[in-house]
Amino acid sequence: MKNLEDPRTFDHDGFFEGLTDWNQDRFEEEFEENLDGFDAEDLDRKLSVRFDEREEHLKLLQAVTAGFHPRGGSGCEQSGFKYLGVNPLCSVKKTPADAILVKNEYNGTYICVICCEIGGEDQAVWVRNVNEAREVLDSPMNRDLLKSQLGVEGTDISFQYVTLTRSDDAVSMDYSVLNRNCAADSYTVWVADVEEKWMAHEAGPFLHTNLENLFEEQLDYMRREDPLKYAVGTHPVFPLEDLVYQIVKEKFDFGREYKSEFTREAFIDILDENLQIRCSGDRRERIVTSEAERLTDKALKTGVFSESEDDLKSDDHDLRVMYSGTRGPGHAERAVRPKYLENIADVEVGRKAYEKTRREFDRDSNLNDWSG
């Protein structure tokens, strides 16, 4: 686990390393003082709530992928709308759009852009997110890129923007207010119960008669095992659990030595195989590399991974999964969540202290002391 009381741990762009020795000493003193200014227990409570929200958001996204998956999704079989990937246009700009459903017909293409939302307290956020996604997707250049990624030909494309939320979060919804403030030509709300695994239409028009027929009853997506483990920007715990399991399982399956150790290249390769984004080439490489850096950074800071020479037994590997025993991939996977959640509040204290120190730091404050 990295030293969370060392500003170098949070110095991602070399700002601290670029300071003179004298300024580094001053920065370290101010950083240490700022560490005491943040309450780790309070941050832990807030992060716990945030974790629960991110987990529920992922479950909604999994509902879409399971319900409309081209292989075995009941919604796809009944309507012809199929799930074609997460995070549309993430190679261009991050948007609140979580998934894309597509139906091709001889006279045109129908596309549902899904935005998953947790919490019904501020439903204006639902509309703001749809409007933001629409603004990005309405650009002619981005439309052409999206068509290329989805394999869509022709110019006759009908879009609908869908807010997918939990059934309880839609209880107080006033669709007419949401629709008046939505810039999309066609906007609708679907709801899901992520425990009972059903989805339903709540309010708004249907993009296609097949969807209207589909949602005459609740859509049961229980029969399709979750085909999605994570997406771009998913809370780090979920991809790390899955990636650790795959890394360690492969070591056990092939009888490899150093079963907890691996290279950064192997980590990137496995992530690339599992990230369901519809782009290729340099665009995909940039996204996968960025995600790999985000995940390894959090794993190293929380102690899920180590890159210390004291922990690595092989010179051929860069990283080690930190878990006790050698009981196999399931044990390694189950060790990720408690270790991450135990340490992430301290990581956030360090990050906030570093940012505060950097924001307020005046590297020239004592120049007069040197002027004679």
Protein backbone atom coordinates (compact mmCIF):
# COMPACT_ATOMS: atom_id res chain seq x y z
CA MET A 1 0.00 0.00 0.00
CA LYS A 2 1.35 3.39 -0.93
CA ASN A 3 2.28 5.92 1.74
CA LEU A 4 -0.79 8.15 2.02
CA GLU A 5 1.09 10.69 4.14
CA ASP A 6 3.58 11.39 1.35
CA PRO A 7 2.55 14.08 -1.17
CA ARG A 8 4.40 12.15 -3.89
CA THR A 9 1.60 9.57 -3.77
CA PHE A 10 -0.81 12.16 -5.18
CA ASP A 11 1.64 14.02 -7.44
CA HIS A 12 0.37 12.66 -10.75
CA ASP A 13 1.67 15.43 -12.98
CA GLY A 14 5.08 16.06 -11.39
CA PHE A 15 4.18 19.36 -9.71
CA PHE A 16 5.79 18.42 -6.39
CA GLU A 17 8.85 16.86 -8.01
CA GLY A 18 9.36 20.07 -9.98
CA LEU A 19 9.74 22.17 -6.82
CA THR A 20 13.09 23.14 -5.38
CA ASP A 21 14.26 21.22 -2.31
CA TRP A 22 13.36 24.18 -0.12
CA ASN A 23 9.86 24.45 -1.58
CA GLN A 24 9.37 20.67 -1.29
CA ASP A 25 10.12 20.90 2.43
CA ARG A 26 7.59 23.72 2.81
CA PHE A 27 5.01 21.83 0.75
CA GLU A 28 5.43 18.70 2.89
CA GLU A 29 4.93 20.72 6.08
CA GLU A 30 1.74 22.32 4.76
CA PHE A 31 0.50 18.97 3.42
CA GLU A 32 1.00 17.35 6.82
CA GLU A 33 -0.96 20.17 8.50
CA ASN A 34 -3.78 19.83 5.97
CA LEU A 35 -4.07 16.08 6.59
CA ASP A 36 -5.46 16.90 10.03
CA GLY A 37 -8.11 19.14 8.50
CA PHE A 38 -10.23 16.35 7.02
CA ASP A 39 -12.38 13.91 8.97
CA ALA A 40 -11.75 10.36 7.70
CA GLU A 41 -14.83 8.99 9.50
CA ASP A 42 -17.11 11.57 7.89
CA LEU A 43 -15.58 10.87 4.50
CA ASP A 44 -16.02 7.15 5.08
CA ARG A 45 -19.76 7.61 5.66
CA LYS A 46 -20.14 9.70 2.51
CA LEU A 47 -18.10 7.26 0.45
CA SER A 48 -20.23 4.38 1.74
CA VAL A 49 -23.39 6.10 0.49
CA ARG A 50 -21.69 6.86 -2.81
CA PHE A 51 -20.60 3.22 -3.15
CA ASP A 52 -24.19 2.02 -2.66
CA GLU A 53 -25.41 4.48 -5.31
CA ARG A 54 -22.76 3.38 -7.81
CA GLU A 55 -23.62 -0.26 -7.17
CA GLU A 56 -27.32 0.42 -7.83
CA HIS A 57 -26.42 2.35 -10.98
CA LEU A 58 -24.42 -0.63 -12.23
CA LYS A 59 -27.38 -2.93 -11.52
CA LEU A 60 -29.60 -0.75 -13.73
CA LEU A 61 -27.04 -0.89 -16.51
CA GLN A 62 -26.89 -4.66 -16.10
CA ALA A 63 -30.68 -4.76 -16.41
CA VAL A 64 -30.43 -3.13 -19.84
CA THR A 65 -27.66 -5.41 -21.05
CA ALA A 66 -29.38 -8.57 -19.78
CA GLY A 67 -32.83 -7.59 -21.05
CA PHE A 68 -31.73 -6.59 -24.56
CA HIS A 69 -28.63 -8.69 -25.10
CA PRO A 70 -28.49 -10.13 -28.64
CA ARG A 71 -27.79 -13.56 -27.16
CA GLY A 72 -30.66 -14.60 -24.95
CA GLY A 73 -32.08 -11.24 -23.93
CA SER A 74 -35.86 -11.57 -23.80
CA GLY A 75 -36.36 -7.90 -24.72
CA CYS A 76 -34.20 -8.32 -27.80
CA GLU A 77 -35.99 -11.49 -28.87
CA GLN A 78 -39.42 -9.91 -28.53
CA SER A 79 -38.74 -6.41 -29.91
CA GLY A 80 -35.69 -6.68 -32.16
CA PHE A 81 -33.95 -3.92 -30.19
CA LYS A 82 -30.50 -5.14 -29.22
CA TYR A 83 -27.89 -3.88 -26.81
CA LEU A 84 -24.76 -2.74 -28.68
CA GLY A 85 -22.42 -1.51 -25.97
CA VAL A 86 -21.95 0.91 -23.11
CA ASN A 87 -20.69 4.49 -22.84
CA PRO A 88 -21.48 5.60 -26.42
CA LEU A 89 -18.99 8.16 -27.76
CA CYS A 90 -16.82 7.86 -24.63
CA SER A 91 -13.85 8.12 -27.01
CA VAL A 92 -14.99 11.66 -27.86
CA LYS A 93 -16.48 12.98 -24.63
CA LYS A 94 -17.80 11.55 -21.40
CA THR A 95 -21.60 11.83 -21.34
CA PRO A 96 -24.38 10.58 -19.03
CA ALA A 97 -25.46 8.13 -21.76
CA ASP A 98 -24.90 4.64 -20.38
CA ALA A 99 -26.00 2.26 -23.13
CA ILE A 100 -27.35 2.04 -26.67
CA LEU A 101 -30.17 -0.14 -28.03
CA VAL A 102 -30.49 -0.44 -31.81
CA LYS A 103 -33.06 -1.85 -34.24
CA ASN A 104 -32.30 -1.84 -37.95
CA GLU A 105 -35.13 -2.00 -40.49
CA TYR A 106 -35.26 -1.65 -44.26
CA ASN A 107 -36.68 1.88 -43.96
CA GLY A 108 -34.41 3.19 -41.22
CA THR A 109 -32.73 2.67 -37.87
CA TYR A 110 -34.18 3.15 -34.39
CA ILE A 111 -31.86 3.97 -31.49
CA CYS A 112 -32.64 4.18 -27.77
CA VAL A 113 -30.08 6.08 -25.72
CA ILE A 114 -30.30 4.91 -22.10
CA CYS A 115 -29.37 7.09 -19.12
CA CYS A 116 -29.50 5.23 -15.78
CA GLU A 117 -30.50 7.30 -12.76
CA ILE A 118 -30.45 6.58 -9.02
CA GLY A 119 -32.56 8.66 -6.63
CA GLY A 120 -35.81 10.49 -7.22
CA GLU A 121 -35.14 13.49 -4.99
CA ASP A 122 -33.87 15.75 -7.77
CA GLN A 123 -35.47 14.57 -10.98
CA ALA A 124 -34.36 17.69 -12.82
CA VAL A 125 -30.98 15.93 -12.94
CA TRP A 126 -32.59 13.25 -15.12
CA VAL A 127 -33.49 15.83 -17.75
CA ARG A 128 -30.17 17.67 -17.52
CA ASN A 129 -28.34 14.40 -18.18
CA VAL A 130 -30.54 13.55 -21.16
CA ASN A 131 -30.08 17.05 -22.58
CA GLU A 132 -26.30 16.79 -22.15
CA ALA A 133 -26.19 13.42 -23.92
CA ARG A 134 -28.42 14.72 -26.71
CA GLU A 135 -26.21 17.77 -27.26
CA VAL A 136 -23.16 15.56 -27.82
CA LEU A 137 -24.99 13.02 -29.99
CA ASP A 138 -26.68 15.72 -32.09
CA SER A 139 -23.39 16.91 -33.53
CA PRO A 140 -23.21 15.77 -37.20
CA MET A 141 -19.61 14.65 -36.72
CA ASN A 142 -20.52 12.65 -33.60
CA ARG A 143 -23.56 11.17 -35.34
CA ASP A 144 -21.33 9.92 -38.14
CA LEU A 145 -18.90 8.47 -35.63
CA LEU A 146 -21.71 6.74 -33.73
CA LYS A 147 -23.10 5.28 -36.97
CA SER A 148 -19.66 3.95 -37.82
CA GLN A 149 -19.25 2.38 -34.37
CA LEU A 150 -22.70 0.76 -34.51
CA GLY A 151 -22.44 -0.35 -38.14
CA VAL A 152 -25.47 1.74 -39.10
CA GLU A 153 -25.95 2.75 -42.73
CA GLY A 154 -28.21 5.39 -44.22
CA THR A 155 -29.41 8.70 -42.84
CA ASP A 156 -32.93 7.86 -41.64
CA ILE A 157 -32.32 7.45 -37.91
CA SER A 158 -34.90 7.91 -35.16
CA PHE A 159 -33.60 8.60 -31.66
CA GLN A 160 -35.30 8.25 -28.32
CA TYR A 161 -33.77 9.15 -24.97
CA VAL A 162 -34.70 6.92 -22.06
CA THR A 163 -34.29 7.51 -18.35
CA LEU A 164 -34.06 4.13 -16.62
CA THR A 165 -34.55 4.35 -12.87
CA ARG A 166 -35.61 2.13 -10.00
CA SER A 167 -39.36 1.72 -9.59
CA ASP A 168 -39.29 3.36 -6.13
CA ASP A 169 -37.46 6.41 -7.49
CA ALA A 170 -40.28 7.13 -9.96
CA VAL A 171 -43.11 7.21 -7.40
CA SER A 172 -43.20 11.02 -7.16
CA MET A 173 -42.33 11.64 -10.81
CA ASP A 174 -44.29 14.19 -12.84
CA TYR A 175 -43.53 13.19 -16.42
CA SER A 176 -45.21 16.24 -17.95
CA VAL A 177 -42.78 18.56 -16.14
CA LEU A 178 -39.79 16.45 -17.15
CA ASN A 179 -40.90 16.27 -20.77
CA ARG A 180 -41.45 20.05 -21.04
CA ASN A 181 -37.88 20.66 -19.94
CA CYS A 182 -36.33 17.94 -22.07
CA ALA A 183 -34.73 19.04 -25.34
CA ALA A 184 -35.01 15.59 -26.93
CA ASP A 185 -37.72 15.11 -29.56
CA SER A 186 -38.69 11.83 -27.94
CA TYR A 187 -38.21 11.19 -24.21
CA THR A 188 -39.52 8.35 -22.07
CA VAL A 189 -39.05 6.81 -18.63
CA TRP A 190 -38.58 3.13 -17.87
CA VAL A 191 -38.33 1.59 -14.42
CA ALA A 192 -36.71 -1.57 -13.12
CA ASP A 193 -36.69 -3.69 -10.00
CA VAL A 194 -33.08 -4.86 -9.82
CA GLU A 195 -33.82 -7.47 -7.14
CA GLU A 196 -36.84 -9.09 -8.79
CA LYS A 197 -35.22 -8.46 -12.20
CA TRP A 198 -38.05 -6.93 -14.19
CA MET A 199 -38.31 -3.78 -16.30
CA ALA A 200 -41.37 -1.75 -17.29
CA HIS A 201 -42.45 1.33 -19.20
CA GLU A 202 -43.45 4.11 -16.80
CA ALA A 203 -44.29 7.16 -18.93
CA GLY A 204 -43.72 8.74 -22.32
CA PRO A 205 -44.08 7.71 -25.97
CA PHE A 206 -42.80 4.54 -27.61
CA LEU A 207 -40.14 4.82 -30.29
CA HIS A 208 -41.47 1.73 -32.08
CA THR A 209 -44.60 -0.43 -31.92
CA ASN A 210 -42.41 -3.41 -31.00
CA LEU A 211 -41.45 -1.64 -27.77
CA GLU A 212 -45.08 -0.84 -27.09
CA ASN A 213 -45.96 -4.52 -27.50
CA LEU A 214 -42.96 -5.55 -25.40
CA PHE A 215 -43.98 -3.37 -22.47
CA GLU A 216 -47.62 -4.42 -22.37
CA GLU A 217 -46.35 -6.49 -19.47
CA GLN A 218 -43.25 -6.30 -17.31
CA LEU A 219 -40.10 -7.44 -19.09
CA ASP A 220 -38.54 -10.30 -17.15
CA TYR A 221 -34.78 -10.31 -17.62
CA MET A 222 -33.98 -12.87 -14.90
CA ARG A 223 -33.23 -15.74 -17.28
CA ARG A 224 -30.19 -13.99 -18.80
CA GLU A 225 -27.14 -14.03 -16.55
CA ASP A 226 -25.60 -10.56 -16.25
CA PRO A 227 -23.49 -10.19 -19.40
CA LEU A 228 -21.85 -7.01 -18.11
CA LYS A 229 -19.47 -6.74 -15.17
CA TYR A 230 -18.54 -3.08 -15.48
CA ALA A 231 -18.30 -0.09 -17.82
CA VAL A 232 -16.04 2.92 -18.25
CA GLY A 233 -16.02 4.86 -14.98
CA THR A 234 -17.71 2.12 -12.91
CA HIS A 235 -16.79 2.20 -9.21
CA PRO A 236 -13.30 0.60 -9.06
CA VAL A 237 -14.36 -2.23 -6.73
CA PHE A 238 -16.43 -4.01 -9.38
CA PRO A 239 -13.90 -4.15 -12.24
CA LEU A 240 -11.09 -4.89 -9.77
CA GLU A 241 -13.00 -7.85 -8.32
CA ASP A 242 -13.58 -9.30 -11.77
CA LEU A 243 -10.08 -8.61 -13.07
CA VAL A 244 -8.39 -10.05 -9.98
CA TYR A 245 -10.49 -13.20 -10.31
CA GLN A 246 -9.52 -13.63 -13.96
CA ILE A 247 -5.83 -12.92 -13.38
CA VAL A 248 -5.48 -15.37 -10.49
CA LYS A 249 -7.71 -18.02 -12.11
CA GLU A 250 -5.54 -18.07 -15.21
CA LYS A 251 -2.46 -18.56 -13.04
CA PHE A 252 -4.08 -21.51 -11.26
CA ASP A 253 -5.53 -23.05 -14.42
CA PHE A 254 -2.15 -23.13 -16.13
CA GLY A 255 -0.14 -24.04 -13.04
CA ARG A 256 1.89 -20.84 -13.17
CA GLU A 257 4.34 -19.84 -10.48
CA TYR A 258 3.82 -16.57 -8.59
CA LYS A 259 0.06 -16.89 -8.79
CA SER A 260 -0.63 -13.43 -7.30
CA GLU A 261 1.74 -11.52 -9.59
CA PHE A 262 1.20 -10.11 -13.06
CA THR A 263 2.35 -7.45 -15.50
CA ARG A 264 0.64 -4.17 -16.30
CA GLU A 265 0.40 -5.35 -19.91
CA ALA A 266 -1.56 -8.44 -18.84
CA PHE A 267 -3.89 -6.26 -16.77
CA ILE A 268 -4.54 -4.01 -19.77
CA ASP A 269 -5.11 -6.99 -22.08
CA ILE A 270 -7.73 -8.57 -19.79
CA LEU A 271 -9.47 -5.23 -19.28
CA ASP A 272 -9.52 -4.70 -23.05
CA GLU A 273 -11.13 -8.11 -23.59
CA ASN A 274 -13.96 -7.32 -21.17
CA LEU A 275 -14.71 -3.63 -21.74
CA GLN A 276 -17.85 -3.48 -23.88
CA ILE A 277 -17.31 -0.23 -25.78
CA ARG A 278 -18.02 0.16 -29.49
CA CYS A 279 -14.81 1.66 -30.79
CA SER A 280 -11.50 0.37 -32.06
CA GLY A 281 -7.96 1.37 -32.95
CA ASP A 282 -6.33 4.34 -31.24
CA ARG A 283 -9.62 5.50 -29.72
CA ARG A 284 -10.14 2.21 -27.93
CA GLU A 285 -6.50 1.99 -26.87
CA ARG A 286 -6.70 5.43 -25.23
CA ILE A 287 -9.85 4.53 -23.29
CA VAL A 288 -8.55 1.14 -22.14
CA THR A 289 -5.20 2.59 -21.10
CA SER A 290 -6.87 5.42 -19.18
CA GLU A 291 -9.20 2.98 -17.40
CA ALA A 292 -6.29 0.69 -16.54
CA GLU A 293 -4.38 3.61 -15.04
CA ARG A 294 -7.43 4.70 -13.01
CA LEU A 295 -7.96 1.21 -11.61
CA THR A 296 -4.33 0.41 -10.83
CA ASP A 297 -3.87 3.80 -9.18
CA LYS A 298 -6.80 3.17 -6.81
CA ALA A 299 -5.72 -0.45 -6.23
CA LEU A 300 -2.19 0.60 -5.28
CA LYS A 301 -3.35 3.37 -2.96
CA THR A 302 -5.87 1.15 -1.15
CA GLY A 303 -3.52 -1.82 -0.84
CA VAL A 304 -5.41 -4.11 -3.22
CA PHE A 305 -2.24 -4.20 -5.37
CA SER A 306 1.40 -3.68 -4.52
CA GLU A 307 4.34 -2.74 -6.73
CA SER A 308 6.88 -2.88 -3.90
CA GLU A 309 10.02 -4.92 -4.48
CA ASP A 310 9.51 -6.37 -1.00
CA ASP A 311 6.22 -7.94 -2.14
CA LEU A 312 7.17 -9.00 -5.67
CA LYS A 313 8.96 -12.34 -5.87
CA SER A 314 9.55 -12.36 -9.63
CA ASP A 315 11.50 -9.81 -11.67
CA ASP A 316 9.16 -10.47 -14.61
CA HIS A 317 6.09 -8.93 -12.93
CA ASP A 318 5.09 -5.37 -12.01
CA LEU A 319 2.15 -5.86 -9.66
CA ARG A 320 0.92 -8.24 -6.98
CA VAL A 321 -2.62 -8.90 -5.73
CA MET A 322 -2.44 -8.53 -1.95
CA TYR A 323 -4.45 -11.23 -0.22
CA SER A 324 -3.58 -13.80 2.42
CA GLY A 325 -3.17 -17.43 1.48
CA THR A 326 -3.21 -19.22 -1.84
CA ARG A 327 -6.75 -20.56 -1.86
CA GLY A 328 -7.53 -19.60 -5.40
CA PRO A 329 -9.24 -16.92 -7.49
CA GLY A 330 -12.46 -16.77 -5.48
CA HIS A 331 -10.55 -15.97 -2.31
CA ALA A 332 -8.54 -13.30 -4.12
CA GLU A 333 -11.71 -11.76 -5.55
CA ARG A 334 -13.43 -11.63 -2.16
CA ALA A 335 -10.42 -9.87 -0.63
CA VAL A 336 -10.75 -6.84 -2.94
CA ARG A 337 -13.86 -5.17 -1.53
CA PRO A 338 -13.05 -5.12 2.20
CA LYS A 339 -9.47 -3.98 1.61
CA TYR A 340 -10.57 -1.22 -0.77
CA LEU A 341 -13.41 0.04 1.42
CA GLU A 342 -11.26 -0.10 4.56
CA ASN A 343 -8.64 2.24 3.10
CA ILE A 344 -10.39 4.49 0.57
CA ALA A 345 -11.37 7.15 3.13
CA ASP A 346 -7.70 7.63 4.06
CA VAL A 347 -6.87 7.86 0.35
CA GLU A 348 -9.45 10.61 -0.04
CA VAL A 349 -8.06 12.48 2.99
CA GLY A 350 -4.63 12.43 1.36
CA ARG A 351 -6.01 13.49 -2.02
CA LYS A 352 -7.96 16.38 -0.56
CA ALA A 353 -5.01 17.48 1.58
CA TYR A 354 -2.73 17.41 -1.46
CA GLU A 355 -5.18 19.41 -3.58
CA LYS A 356 -5.68 21.99 -0.82
CA THR A 357 -1.94 22.33 -0.31
CA ARG A 358 -1.29 22.71 -4.00
CA ARG A 359 -4.12 25.20 -4.45
CA GLU A 360 -2.88 27.43 -1.64
CA PHE A 361 0.85 26.90 -2.05
CA ASP A 362 2.94 29.95 -2.89
CA ARG A 363 6.33 28.78 -4.02
CA ASP A 364 7.66 32.36 -3.96
CA SER A 365 6.32 33.38 -0.54
CA ASN A 366 9.75 33.72 1.08
CA LEU A 367 11.87 35.00 -1.77
CA ASN A 368 12.66 38.11 0.23
CA ASP A 369 14.50 35.90 2.70
CA TRP A 370 17.05 35.23 -0.04
CA SER A 371 17.43 38.79 -1.30
CA GLY A 372 19.91 39.97 1.28
